[in-house]
């Protein structure tokens, strides 16, 4: 799960289907991406930052002081 993304969505009282529509993807696809089963595209990630008013790091960087596992490093390299 991308915890920061989940928290940002819940703080704004949005459902997954609401965010999915706002960034132009199917709700089921958004669910899989928020859960970490699929990766967001750069376009989708940028749309999320605009929607939530934050940076890519705010949403996608690990909570543990920047420590990331290998899969997260690959995802962040793709986003950069």
Protein backbone atom coordinates (compact mmCIF):
# COMPACT_ATOMS: atom_id res chain seq x y z
CA UNK A 1 0.00 0.00 0.00
CA UNK A 2 1.16 3.51 -0.72
CA UNK A 3 0.32 4.74 2.77
CA UNK A 4 0.85 8.46 2.20
CA UNK A 5 -1.42 8.41 -0.83
CA UNK A 6 -4.11 6.58 1.14
CA UNK A 7 -3.84 9.12 3.98
CA UNK A 8 -3.97 12.10 1.60
CA UNK A 9 -7.11 10.70 -0.03
CA UNK A 10 -8.82 9.96 3.27
CA UNK A 11 -7.95 13.37 4.73
CA UNK A 12 -9.81 14.94 1.83
CA UNK A 13 -12.71 12.53 2.33
CA UNK A 14 -12.43 11.16 -1.20
CA UNK A 15 -13.30 7.68 -2.35
CA UNK A 16 -10.95 5.74 -4.62
CA UNK A 17 -13.48 6.07 -7.44
CA UNK A 18 -13.45 9.88 -7.04
CA UNK A 19 -9.68 10.10 -7.35
CA UNK A 20 -9.70 7.64 -10.26
CA UNK A 21 -12.14 9.81 -12.20
CA UNK A 22 -10.16 12.97 -11.46
CA UNK A 23 -6.94 11.48 -12.83
CA UNK A 24 -8.63 9.68 -15.72
CA UNK A 25 -8.31 5.99 -14.87
CA UNK A 26 -10.74 3.19 -14.05
CA UNK A 27 -11.56 2.86 -10.32
CA UNK A 28 -10.36 -0.76 -10.19
CA UNK A 29 -7.05 0.28 -11.72
CA UNK A 30 -6.69 3.04 -9.15
CA UNK A 31 -7.41 0.54 -6.36
CA UNK A 32 -4.64 -1.76 -7.60
CA UNK A 33 -2.20 1.13 -7.88
CA UNK A 34 -2.97 2.57 -4.45
CA UNK A 35 -2.47 -0.90 -2.98
CA UNK A 36 0.93 -1.14 -4.68
CA UNK A 37 0.01 -3.98 -7.04
CA UNK A 38 0.60 -1.78 -10.10
CA UNK A 39 2.65 1.37 -10.67
CA UNK A 40 1.30 4.81 -11.43
CA UNK A 41 2.41 6.35 -14.72
CA UNK A 42 4.23 9.66 -14.61
CA UNK A 43 1.12 11.42 -15.93
CA UNK A 44 -1.03 9.87 -13.20
CA UNK A 45 1.52 10.67 -10.48
CA UNK A 46 1.68 14.31 -11.59
CA UNK A 47 -2.13 14.49 -11.63
CA UNK A 48 -2.17 13.18 -8.06
CA UNK A 49 0.29 15.86 -6.94
CA UNK A 50 -1.93 18.55 -8.44
CA UNK A 51 -5.04 17.04 -6.90
CA UNK A 52 -3.50 16.79 -3.43
CA UNK A 53 -1.33 19.92 -3.64
CA UNK A 54 1.95 18.21 -2.80
CA UNK A 55 5.13 16.81 -4.38
CA UNK A 56 5.88 13.35 -5.73
CA UNK A 57 8.09 12.71 -2.70
CA UNK A 58 5.26 13.69 -0.37
CA UNK A 59 3.08 10.94 -1.82
CA UNK A 60 5.54 8.23 -2.84
CA UNK A 61 8.58 8.39 -0.55
CA UNK A 62 8.65 5.85 2.27
CA UNK A 63 7.72 6.98 5.78
CA UNK A 64 10.85 5.55 7.41
CA UNK A 65 13.23 8.46 6.91
CA UNK A 66 13.67 7.83 3.20
CA UNK A 67 14.62 4.15 3.47
CA UNK A 68 13.09 2.28 0.59
CA UNK A 69 13.08 -1.33 -0.45
CA UNK A 70 14.33 -2.35 -3.90
CA UNK A 71 10.87 -2.24 -5.53
CA UNK A 72 10.27 1.28 -4.26
CA UNK A 73 13.68 2.38 -5.58
CA UNK A 74 12.72 1.11 -9.03
CA UNK A 75 9.39 2.97 -8.88
CA UNK A 76 11.02 6.21 -7.76
CA UNK A 77 13.63 5.91 -10.55
CA UNK A 78 10.77 5.58 -13.05
CA UNK A 79 8.99 8.66 -11.67
CA UNK A 80 12.13 10.83 -11.71
